[in-house]
C-alpha cells in the first residue's frame, strides 16, 4: 500500500492546505493547551466536517479512505486536530450506518447544512459505562474518562436529547 499523498483527491488537497496553516503554530498551541477555536473555524470553512455525509443529505460523499487520508495529513503536523477530526466521524458514522431513516434525515441534513463538528464520548471497549434496554429505549449509566471534541463541538450526542437516539 502506498502512503504517498494523493492530492488529486479534493479532500486531501484541502487538508494539505490546512495542514500548512496549522503547522505555523501547532507546537505553540500544543504547549499552551486550550481550545483551537480558530483552527476549527478554518476546518469548518474548508467544508471537511461534512465531507463524508452522502450527497443526498447535503454532504459531499467522501469515501472513508479519503477521510482517513485527511486525518493522516493533519496528524503529520497537529495530532490534536487530527484526533478531533477523526473522532468527529465516530458518532457521525453511528448515524450513517445504524441510524433510522428519520435519524439520518434529521442529523445528517442538519450537520451538512451547518457543516457541524461532532464531539464523541462513546467507546465500545470502555468498561466505565453500561447500558440496559428499557421499553422505549436505553438507560446508560457510568462515567467517561474523556470526551473527544466536546470543547469545540457543535453537536454532542450525549446532550442531544432522547429523540436523537
N, C-alpha and C. Protein backbone atom coordinates (compact mmCIF):
# COMPACT_ATOMS: atom_id res chain seq x y z
N UNK A 1 0.84 -1.19 0.00
CA UNK A 1 0.00 0.00 0.00
C UNK A 1 0.88 1.24 0.00
N UNK A 2 0.53 2.17 -0.81
CA UNK A 2 1.30 3.41 -0.92
C UNK A 2 0.84 4.41 0.13
N UNK A 3 1.79 5.09 0.71
CA UNK A 3 1.47 6.16 1.65
C UNK A 3 1.73 7.53 1.04
N UNK A 4 1.86 7.53 -0.29
CA UNK A 4 2.05 8.80 -0.97
C UNK A 4 0.75 9.61 -0.90
N UNK A 5 0.89 10.89 -0.74
CA UNK A 5 -0.25 11.79 -0.68
C UNK A 5 -0.92 11.86 -2.06
N UNK A 6 -2.23 11.73 -2.08
CA UNK A 6 -2.98 11.79 -3.33
C UNK A 6 -3.73 13.12 -3.39
N UNK A 7 -3.07 14.16 -3.90
CA UNK A 7 -3.70 15.48 -3.94
C UNK A 7 -4.71 15.61 -5.08
N UNK A 8 -4.90 14.52 -5.86
CA UNK A 8 -6.00 14.55 -6.82
C UNK A 8 -7.32 14.34 -6.09
N UNK A 9 -7.25 13.83 -4.86
CA UNK A 9 -8.43 13.71 -4.00
C UNK A 9 -8.69 15.11 -3.45
N UNK A 10 -9.84 15.71 -3.77
CA UNK A 10 -10.08 17.09 -3.35
C UNK A 10 -10.10 17.27 -1.82
N UNK A 11 -10.45 16.23 -1.09
CA UNK A 11 -10.48 16.33 0.37
C UNK A 11 -9.06 16.34 0.93
N UNK A 12 -8.21 15.52 0.36
CA UNK A 12 -6.80 15.52 0.76
C UNK A 12 -6.15 16.85 0.38
N UNK A 13 -6.46 17.36 -0.78
CA UNK A 13 -5.90 18.65 -1.21
C UNK A 13 -6.28 19.75 -0.22
N UNK A 14 -7.53 19.77 0.24
CA UNK A 14 -7.94 20.76 1.24
C UNK A 14 -7.17 20.57 2.54
N UNK A 15 -6.99 19.30 2.92
CA UNK A 15 -6.26 19.00 4.16
C UNK A 15 -4.81 19.47 4.08
N UNK A 16 -4.19 19.30 2.93
CA UNK A 16 -2.81 19.75 2.74
C UNK A 16 -2.73 21.27 2.92
N UNK A 17 -3.69 22.00 2.36
CA UNK A 17 -3.71 23.45 2.53
C UNK A 17 -3.86 23.84 3.99
N UNK A 18 -4.79 23.17 4.69
CA UNK A 18 -5.00 23.47 6.11
C UNK A 18 -3.78 23.08 6.94
N UNK A 19 -3.19 21.96 6.60
CA UNK A 19 -2.02 21.49 7.34
C UNK A 19 -0.92 22.54 7.33
N UNK A 20 -0.74 23.20 6.22
CA UNK A 20 0.28 24.25 6.11
C UNK A 20 -0.02 25.38 7.09
N UNK A 21 -1.28 25.74 7.21
CA UNK A 21 -1.69 26.80 8.15
C UNK A 21 -1.54 26.30 9.58
N UNK A 22 -2.03 25.09 9.86
CA UNK A 22 -1.97 24.55 11.22
C UNK A 22 -0.53 24.41 11.71
N UNK A 23 0.36 24.10 10.78
CA UNK A 23 1.76 23.86 11.14
C UNK A 23 2.44 25.11 11.70
N UNK A 24 1.99 26.29 11.27
CA UNK A 24 2.64 27.54 11.67
C UNK A 24 2.73 27.72 13.18
N UNK A 25 1.71 27.27 13.91
CA UNK A 25 1.73 27.46 15.36
C UNK A 25 1.33 26.21 16.14
N UNK A 26 1.43 25.06 15.52
CA UNK A 26 0.99 23.81 16.17
C UNK A 26 1.74 23.54 17.47
N UNK A 27 3.04 23.70 17.47
CA UNK A 27 3.83 23.42 18.68
C UNK A 27 3.47 24.40 19.79
N UNK A 28 3.36 25.66 19.45
CA UNK A 28 3.00 26.68 20.44
C UNK A 28 1.62 26.39 21.04
N UNK A 29 0.65 26.09 20.16
CA UNK A 29 -0.70 25.79 20.65
C UNK A 29 -0.70 24.54 21.52
N UNK A 30 0.08 23.54 21.15
CA UNK A 30 0.14 22.32 21.93
C UNK A 30 0.68 22.59 23.33
N UNK A 31 1.70 23.41 23.43
CA UNK A 31 2.28 23.75 24.73
C UNK A 31 1.31 24.58 25.58
N UNK A 32 0.56 25.47 24.93
CA UNK A 32 -0.37 26.33 25.65
C UNK A 32 -1.64 25.60 26.07
N UNK A 33 -2.03 24.59 25.31
CA UNK A 33 -3.31 23.92 25.58
C UNK A 33 -4.46 24.83 25.17
N UNK A 34 -5.62 24.54 25.68
CA UNK A 34 -6.76 25.38 25.37
C UNK A 34 -7.57 24.85 24.21
N UNK A 35 -8.34 25.73 23.65
CA UNK A 35 -9.27 25.37 22.57
C UNK A 35 -8.77 25.90 21.23
N UNK A 36 -8.72 25.05 20.21
CA UNK A 36 -8.28 25.50 18.89
C UNK A 36 -9.42 26.14 18.10
N UNK A 37 -9.96 27.21 18.63
CA UNK A 37 -11.15 27.85 18.05
C UNK A 37 -10.90 28.29 16.60
N UNK A 38 -9.79 28.97 16.35
CA UNK A 38 -9.50 29.46 15.00
C UNK A 38 -9.28 28.30 14.04
N UNK A 39 -8.61 27.25 14.49
CA UNK A 39 -8.34 26.10 13.63
C UNK A 39 -9.64 25.36 13.29
N UNK A 40 -10.54 25.26 14.24
CA UNK A 40 -11.84 24.62 13.98
C UNK A 40 -12.65 25.48 13.01
N UNK A 41 -12.56 26.80 13.15
CA UNK A 41 -13.24 27.68 12.20
C UNK A 41 -12.72 27.45 10.78
N UNK A 42 -11.39 27.36 10.65
CA UNK A 42 -10.80 27.11 9.34
C UNK A 42 -11.21 25.74 8.81
N UNK A 43 -11.23 24.76 9.68
CA UNK A 43 -11.65 23.42 9.29
C UNK A 43 -13.09 23.44 8.78
N UNK A 44 -13.96 24.13 9.51
CA UNK A 44 -15.35 24.22 9.09
C UNK A 44 -15.48 25.01 7.78
N UNK A 45 -14.73 26.09 7.66
CA UNK A 45 -14.76 26.88 6.42
C UNK A 45 -14.33 26.05 5.21
N UNK A 46 -13.47 25.06 5.44
CA UNK A 46 -12.99 24.21 4.34
C UNK A 46 -14.05 23.23 3.86
N UNK A 47 -15.09 23.01 4.67
CA UNK A 47 -16.12 22.05 4.31
C UNK A 47 -15.81 20.62 4.71
N UNK A 48 -14.66 20.37 5.31
CA UNK A 48 -14.27 19.00 5.62
C UNK A 48 -15.15 18.29 6.66
N UNK A 49 -15.77 18.99 7.62
CA UNK A 49 -16.63 18.25 8.55
C UNK A 49 -17.81 17.54 7.88
N UNK A 50 -18.31 18.06 6.76
CA UNK A 50 -19.43 17.42 6.08
C UNK A 50 -18.99 16.53 4.91
N UNK A 51 -17.69 16.32 4.80
CA UNK A 51 -17.16 15.58 3.65
C UNK A 51 -17.77 14.19 3.49
N UNK A 52 -17.89 13.43 4.56
CA UNK A 52 -18.35 12.04 4.45
C UNK A 52 -19.87 11.90 4.35
N UNK A 53 -20.59 12.93 4.67
CA UNK A 53 -22.05 12.85 4.60
C UNK A 53 -22.46 12.66 3.15
N UNK A 54 -23.33 11.69 2.87
CA UNK A 54 -23.75 11.45 1.48
C UNK A 54 -24.36 12.70 0.83
N UNK A 55 -24.16 12.81 -0.46
CA UNK A 55 -24.67 13.94 -1.24
C UNK A 55 -26.18 14.08 -1.06
N UNK A 56 -26.89 12.97 -0.98
CA UNK A 56 -28.34 13.00 -0.82
C UNK A 56 -28.81 13.69 0.44
N UNK A 57 -27.92 13.83 1.43
CA UNK A 57 -28.25 14.54 2.67
C UNK A 57 -27.62 15.92 2.72
N UNK A 58 -27.02 16.34 1.62
CA UNK A 58 -26.40 17.66 1.56
C UNK A 58 -24.91 17.68 1.80
N UNK A 59 -24.32 16.51 1.98
CA UNK A 59 -22.87 16.42 2.19
C UNK A 59 -22.13 16.29 0.87
N UNK A 60 -20.89 15.81 0.97
CA UNK A 60 -20.03 15.75 -0.20
C UNK A 60 -19.70 14.33 -0.66
N UNK A 61 -20.12 13.33 0.11
CA UNK A 61 -19.98 11.94 -0.32
C UNK A 61 -18.57 11.39 -0.36
N UNK A 62 -17.68 11.91 0.49
CA UNK A 62 -16.30 11.40 0.51
C UNK A 62 -16.26 9.96 1.00
N UNK A 63 -15.30 9.22 0.51
CA UNK A 63 -15.11 7.84 0.96
C UNK A 63 -14.41 7.82 2.33
N UNK A 64 -14.52 6.68 2.99
CA UNK A 64 -13.84 6.51 4.27
C UNK A 64 -12.33 6.63 4.07
N UNK A 65 -11.83 6.15 2.95
CA UNK A 65 -10.41 6.25 2.64
C UNK A 65 -9.98 7.72 2.58
N UNK A 66 -10.78 8.56 1.95
CA UNK A 66 -10.46 9.99 1.89
C UNK A 66 -10.43 10.60 3.29
N UNK A 67 -11.40 10.22 4.12
CA UNK A 67 -11.45 10.75 5.49
C UNK A 67 -10.19 10.35 6.25
N UNK A 68 -9.80 9.10 6.14
CA UNK A 68 -8.60 8.64 6.85
C UNK A 68 -7.34 9.33 6.32
N UNK A 69 -7.31 9.60 5.04
CA UNK A 69 -6.17 10.32 4.47
C UNK A 69 -6.11 11.76 4.99
N UNK A 70 -7.27 12.37 5.19
CA UNK A 70 -7.31 13.72 5.78
C UNK A 70 -6.78 13.67 7.20
N UNK A 71 -7.22 12.68 7.98
CA UNK A 71 -6.73 12.53 9.35
C UNK A 71 -5.21 12.38 9.34
N UNK A 72 -4.70 11.57 8.44
CA UNK A 72 -3.25 11.35 8.36
C UNK A 72 -2.51 12.65 8.03
N UNK A 73 -3.06 13.45 7.11
CA UNK A 73 -2.42 14.74 6.79
C UNK A 73 -2.34 15.62 8.04
N UNK A 74 -3.45 15.75 8.75
CA UNK A 74 -3.45 16.59 9.95
C UNK A 74 -2.49 16.05 11.00
N UNK A 75 -2.43 14.73 11.14
CA UNK A 75 -1.58 14.11 12.16
C UNK A 75 -0.10 14.39 11.92
N UNK A 76 0.27 14.66 10.69
CA UNK A 76 1.68 14.94 10.39
C UNK A 76 2.16 16.25 10.99
N UNK A 77 1.23 17.12 11.36
CA UNK A 77 1.64 18.40 11.92
C UNK A 77 0.93 18.75 13.22
N UNK A 78 -0.29 18.25 13.44
CA UNK A 78 -1.06 18.61 14.63
C UNK A 78 -1.92 17.42 15.05
N UNK A 79 -1.37 16.61 15.93
CA UNK A 79 -2.07 15.41 16.38
C UNK A 79 -3.40 15.70 17.05
N UNK A 80 -3.49 16.83 17.73
CA UNK A 80 -4.75 17.17 18.41
C UNK A 80 -5.87 17.43 17.41
N UNK A 81 -5.58 18.16 16.35
CA UNK A 81 -6.61 18.42 15.34
C UNK A 81 -6.95 17.15 14.57
N UNK A 82 -5.96 16.30 14.33
CA UNK A 82 -6.23 15.01 13.68
C UNK A 82 -7.16 14.18 14.56
N UNK A 83 -6.91 14.19 15.86
CA UNK A 83 -7.75 13.46 16.81
C UNK A 83 -9.18 13.99 16.79
N UNK A 84 -9.33 15.31 16.84
CA UNK A 84 -10.67 15.90 16.83
C UNK A 84 -11.42 15.56 15.55
N UNK A 85 -10.72 15.67 14.42
CA UNK A 85 -11.38 15.38 13.14
C UNK A 85 -11.71 13.89 13.02
N UNK A 86 -10.81 13.04 13.45
CA UNK A 86 -11.08 11.60 13.41
C UNK A 86 -12.24 11.20 14.30
N UNK A 87 -12.23 11.70 15.53
CA UNK A 87 -13.30 11.35 16.47
C UNK A 87 -14.63 12.00 16.09
N UNK A 88 -14.61 13.06 15.34
CA UNK A 88 -15.83 13.68 14.81
C UNK A 88 -16.63 12.65 14.01
N UNK A 89 -15.92 11.75 13.33
CA UNK A 89 -16.58 10.79 12.45
C UNK A 89 -17.19 9.59 13.16
N UNK A 90 -16.82 9.33 14.39
CA UNK A 90 -17.38 8.15 15.07
C UNK A 90 -18.88 8.29 15.32
N UNK A 91 -19.35 9.34 15.98
CA UNK A 91 -20.81 9.44 16.15
C UNK A 91 -21.52 9.73 14.82
N UNK A 92 -20.87 10.44 13.93
CA UNK A 92 -21.44 10.69 12.61
C UNK A 92 -21.66 9.37 11.88
N UNK A 93 -20.69 8.47 11.96
CA UNK A 93 -20.82 7.16 11.34
C UNK A 93 -21.87 6.30 12.03
N UNK A 94 -22.05 6.49 13.32
CA UNK A 94 -23.10 5.76 14.02
C UNK A 94 -24.45 6.08 13.39
N UNK A 95 -24.69 7.34 13.11
CA UNK A 95 -25.93 7.74 12.45
C UNK A 95 -25.95 7.22 11.01
N UNK A 96 -24.84 7.37 10.30
CA UNK A 96 -24.76 6.93 8.91
C UNK A 96 -25.08 5.44 8.74
N UNK A 97 -24.51 4.62 9.61
CA UNK A 97 -24.60 3.18 9.42
C UNK A 97 -25.65 2.48 10.27
N UNK A 98 -26.09 3.12 11.36
CA UNK A 98 -27.04 2.44 12.24
C UNK A 98 -28.29 3.25 12.52
N UNK A 99 -28.32 4.49 12.05
CA UNK A 99 -29.46 5.34 12.33
C UNK A 99 -30.69 4.95 11.52
N UNK A 100 -31.84 5.27 12.08
CA UNK A 100 -33.09 5.06 11.35
C UNK A 100 -33.16 6.07 10.21
N UNK A 101 -34.11 5.89 9.32
CA UNK A 101 -34.28 6.86 8.23
C UNK A 101 -34.54 8.25 8.77
N UNK A 102 -35.36 8.34 9.80
CA UNK A 102 -35.68 9.64 10.39
C UNK A 102 -34.45 10.27 11.04
N UNK A 103 -33.65 9.46 11.75
CA UNK A 103 -32.43 9.98 12.38
C UNK A 103 -31.44 10.47 11.32
N UNK A 104 -31.26 9.68 10.27
CA UNK A 104 -30.35 10.09 9.21
C UNK A 104 -30.83 11.39 8.58
N UNK A 105 -32.11 11.43 8.25
CA UNK A 105 -32.65 12.62 7.59
C UNK A 105 -32.44 13.86 8.46
N UNK A 106 -32.73 13.74 9.74
CA UNK A 106 -32.61 14.90 10.63
C UNK A 106 -31.15 15.28 10.88
N UNK A 107 -30.35 14.36 11.40
CA UNK A 107 -29.00 14.68 11.86
C UNK A 107 -28.01 14.90 10.72
N UNK A 108 -28.09 14.10 9.67
CA UNK A 108 -27.14 14.28 8.57
C UNK A 108 -27.42 15.58 7.80
N UNK A 109 -28.71 15.86 7.58
CA UNK A 109 -29.04 17.12 6.91
C UNK A 109 -28.64 18.33 7.75
N UNK A 110 -28.92 18.28 9.04
CA UNK A 110 -28.55 19.40 9.92
C UNK A 110 -27.03 19.57 9.97
N UNK A 111 -26.33 18.46 10.06
CA UNK A 111 -24.88 18.52 10.12
C UNK A 111 -24.28 19.06 8.82
N UNK A 112 -24.79 18.60 7.70
CA UNK A 112 -24.28 19.08 6.40
C UNK A 112 -24.62 20.56 6.21
N UNK A 113 -25.83 20.95 6.56
CA UNK A 113 -26.26 22.34 6.36
C UNK A 113 -25.40 23.31 7.17
N UNK A 114 -25.05 22.91 8.38
CA UNK A 114 -24.24 23.77 9.24
C UNK A 114 -22.77 23.44 9.21
N UNK A 115 -22.39 22.40 8.45
CA UNK A 115 -21.01 21.92 8.42
C UNK A 115 -20.50 21.77 9.85
N UNK A 116 -21.27 21.04 10.64
CA UNK A 116 -21.06 20.95 12.08
C UNK A 116 -19.98 19.96 12.46
N UNK A 117 -19.29 20.26 13.55
CA UNK A 117 -18.32 19.34 14.16
C UNK A 117 -19.04 18.58 15.28
N UNK A 118 -18.82 17.28 15.31
CA UNK A 118 -19.42 16.43 16.33
C UNK A 118 -18.37 16.10 17.39
N UNK A 119 -18.79 16.07 18.64
CA UNK A 119 -17.95 15.58 19.72
C UNK A 119 -18.23 14.09 19.89
N UNK A 120 -17.41 13.42 20.65
CA UNK A 120 -17.59 11.98 20.84
C UNK A 120 -17.20 11.57 22.24
N UNK A 121 -18.05 10.83 22.89
CA UNK A 121 -17.68 10.26 24.19
C UNK A 121 -17.99 8.78 24.25
N UNK A 122 -18.34 8.19 23.14
CA UNK A 122 -18.61 6.76 23.11
C UNK A 122 -17.35 5.96 22.89
N UNK A 123 -17.31 4.78 23.49
CA UNK A 123 -16.20 3.86 23.29
C UNK A 123 -16.69 2.47 23.65
N UNK A 124 -16.88 1.64 22.64
CA UNK A 124 -17.42 0.30 22.87
C UNK A 124 -16.50 -0.56 23.73
N UNK A 125 -15.23 -0.24 23.79
CA UNK A 125 -14.28 -1.03 24.56
C UNK A 125 -14.16 -0.58 26.01
N UNK A 126 -14.73 0.56 26.34
CA UNK A 126 -14.63 1.12 27.68
C UNK A 126 -15.53 0.37 28.64
N UNK A 127 -15.01 0.10 29.82
CA UNK A 127 -15.79 -0.57 30.86
C UNK A 127 -16.28 0.42 31.91
N UNK A 128 -16.27 1.71 31.59
CA UNK A 128 -16.66 2.73 32.56
C UNK A 128 -18.14 3.06 32.52
N UNK A 129 -18.86 2.48 31.57
CA UNK A 129 -20.29 2.74 31.50
C UNK A 129 -21.00 1.48 31.02
N UNK A 130 -22.28 1.45 31.29
CA UNK A 130 -23.07 0.30 30.86
C UNK A 130 -24.46 0.77 30.46
N UNK A 131 -25.15 -0.05 29.73
CA UNK A 131 -26.49 0.31 29.31
C UNK A 131 -27.42 -0.88 29.39
N UNK A 132 -28.69 -0.59 29.53
CA UNK A 132 -29.69 -1.66 29.52
C UNK A 132 -30.92 -1.15 28.76
N UNK A 133 -31.50 -2.05 28.01
CA UNK A 133 -32.67 -1.71 27.22
C UNK A 133 -33.89 -1.62 28.13
N UNK A 134 -34.70 -0.60 27.88
CA UNK A 134 -35.99 -0.44 28.55
C UNK A 134 -37.04 -0.34 27.45
N UNK A 135 -38.30 -0.29 27.84
CA UNK A 135 -39.39 -0.32 26.86
C UNK A 135 -39.24 0.68 25.72
N UNK A 136 -38.88 1.89 26.03
CA UNK A 136 -38.84 2.93 25.00
C UNK A 136 -37.43 3.40 24.66
N UNK A 137 -36.41 2.59 24.92
CA UNK A 137 -35.05 3.00 24.58
C UNK A 137 -34.00 2.32 25.44
N UNK A 138 -33.04 3.11 25.88
CA UNK A 138 -31.92 2.61 26.68
C UNK A 138 -31.70 3.52 27.89
N UNK A 139 -31.21 2.92 28.95
CA UNK A 139 -30.72 3.69 30.10
C UNK A 139 -29.22 3.42 30.16
N UNK A 140 -28.44 4.48 30.12
CA UNK A 140 -26.99 4.38 30.16
C UNK A 140 -26.50 5.03 31.45
N UNK A 141 -25.65 4.33 32.16
CA UNK A 141 -25.08 4.84 33.41
C UNK A 141 -23.57 4.69 33.37
N UNK A 142 -22.89 5.53 34.11
CA UNK A 142 -21.44 5.41 34.22
C UNK A 142 -20.75 6.75 34.10
N UNK A 143 -19.47 6.69 33.90
CA UNK A 143 -18.66 7.88 33.74
C UNK A 143 -17.78 7.72 32.50
N UNK A 144 -17.30 8.82 32.01
CA UNK A 144 -16.38 8.81 30.87
C UNK A 144 -15.09 9.49 31.29
N UNK A 145 -13.96 8.85 31.06
CA UNK A 145 -12.69 9.48 31.42
C UNK A 145 -12.30 10.62 30.47
N UNK A 146 -12.90 10.67 29.31
CA UNK A 146 -12.62 11.75 28.37
C UNK A 146 -13.78 11.86 27.40
N UNK A 147 -13.83 12.96 26.70
CA UNK A 147 -14.84 13.17 25.68
C UNK A 147 -14.19 13.98 24.57
N UNK A 148 -13.83 13.31 23.50
CA UNK A 148 -13.10 13.98 22.41
C UNK A 148 -13.96 15.02 21.71
N UNK A 149 -13.44 16.23 21.68
CA UNK A 149 -14.07 17.29 20.92
C UNK A 149 -15.18 18.04 21.61
N UNK A 150 -15.54 17.66 22.83
CA UNK A 150 -16.68 18.33 23.46
C UNK A 150 -16.43 19.82 23.67
N UNK A 151 -15.17 20.22 23.76
CA UNK A 151 -14.84 21.63 23.99
C UNK A 151 -14.96 22.49 22.73
N UNK A 152 -15.12 21.85 21.57
CA UNK A 152 -15.27 22.62 20.33
C UNK A 152 -16.43 22.12 19.46
N UNK A 153 -17.17 21.15 19.96
CA UNK A 153 -18.22 20.51 19.16
C UNK A 153 -19.46 21.38 19.02
N UNK A 154 -20.08 21.27 17.84
CA UNK A 154 -21.39 21.87 17.62
C UNK A 154 -22.48 20.90 18.06
N UNK A 155 -22.22 19.62 17.87
CA UNK A 155 -23.15 18.56 18.27
C UNK A 155 -22.43 17.61 19.21
N UNK A 156 -23.11 17.25 20.24
CA UNK A 156 -22.53 16.34 21.23
C UNK A 156 -23.61 15.31 21.55
N UNK A 157 -23.47 14.09 21.03
CA UNK A 157 -24.54 13.09 21.18
C UNK A 157 -25.02 12.88 22.60
N UNK A 158 -24.18 13.10 23.59
CA UNK A 158 -24.59 12.90 24.98
C UNK A 158 -25.63 13.89 25.46
N UNK A 159 -25.83 14.99 24.73
CA UNK A 159 -26.80 16.00 25.17
C UNK A 159 -27.82 16.33 24.09
N UNK A 160 -27.96 15.48 23.10
CA UNK A 160 -28.90 15.77 22.02
C UNK A 160 -30.34 15.51 22.42
N UNK A 161 -30.55 14.86 23.53
CA UNK A 161 -31.92 14.57 23.94
C UNK A 161 -32.36 13.20 23.47
N UNK A 162 -33.36 12.65 24.11
CA UNK A 162 -33.74 11.28 23.83
C UNK A 162 -34.31 11.09 22.42
N UNK A 163 -34.79 12.15 21.78
CA UNK A 163 -35.32 12.00 20.43
C UNK A 163 -34.21 11.73 19.41
N UNK A 164 -32.97 12.09 19.75
CA UNK A 164 -31.87 11.90 18.81
C UNK A 164 -31.50 10.43 18.66
N UNK A 165 -31.55 9.71 19.71
CA UNK A 165 -31.10 8.32 19.67
C UNK A 165 -32.22 7.42 20.10
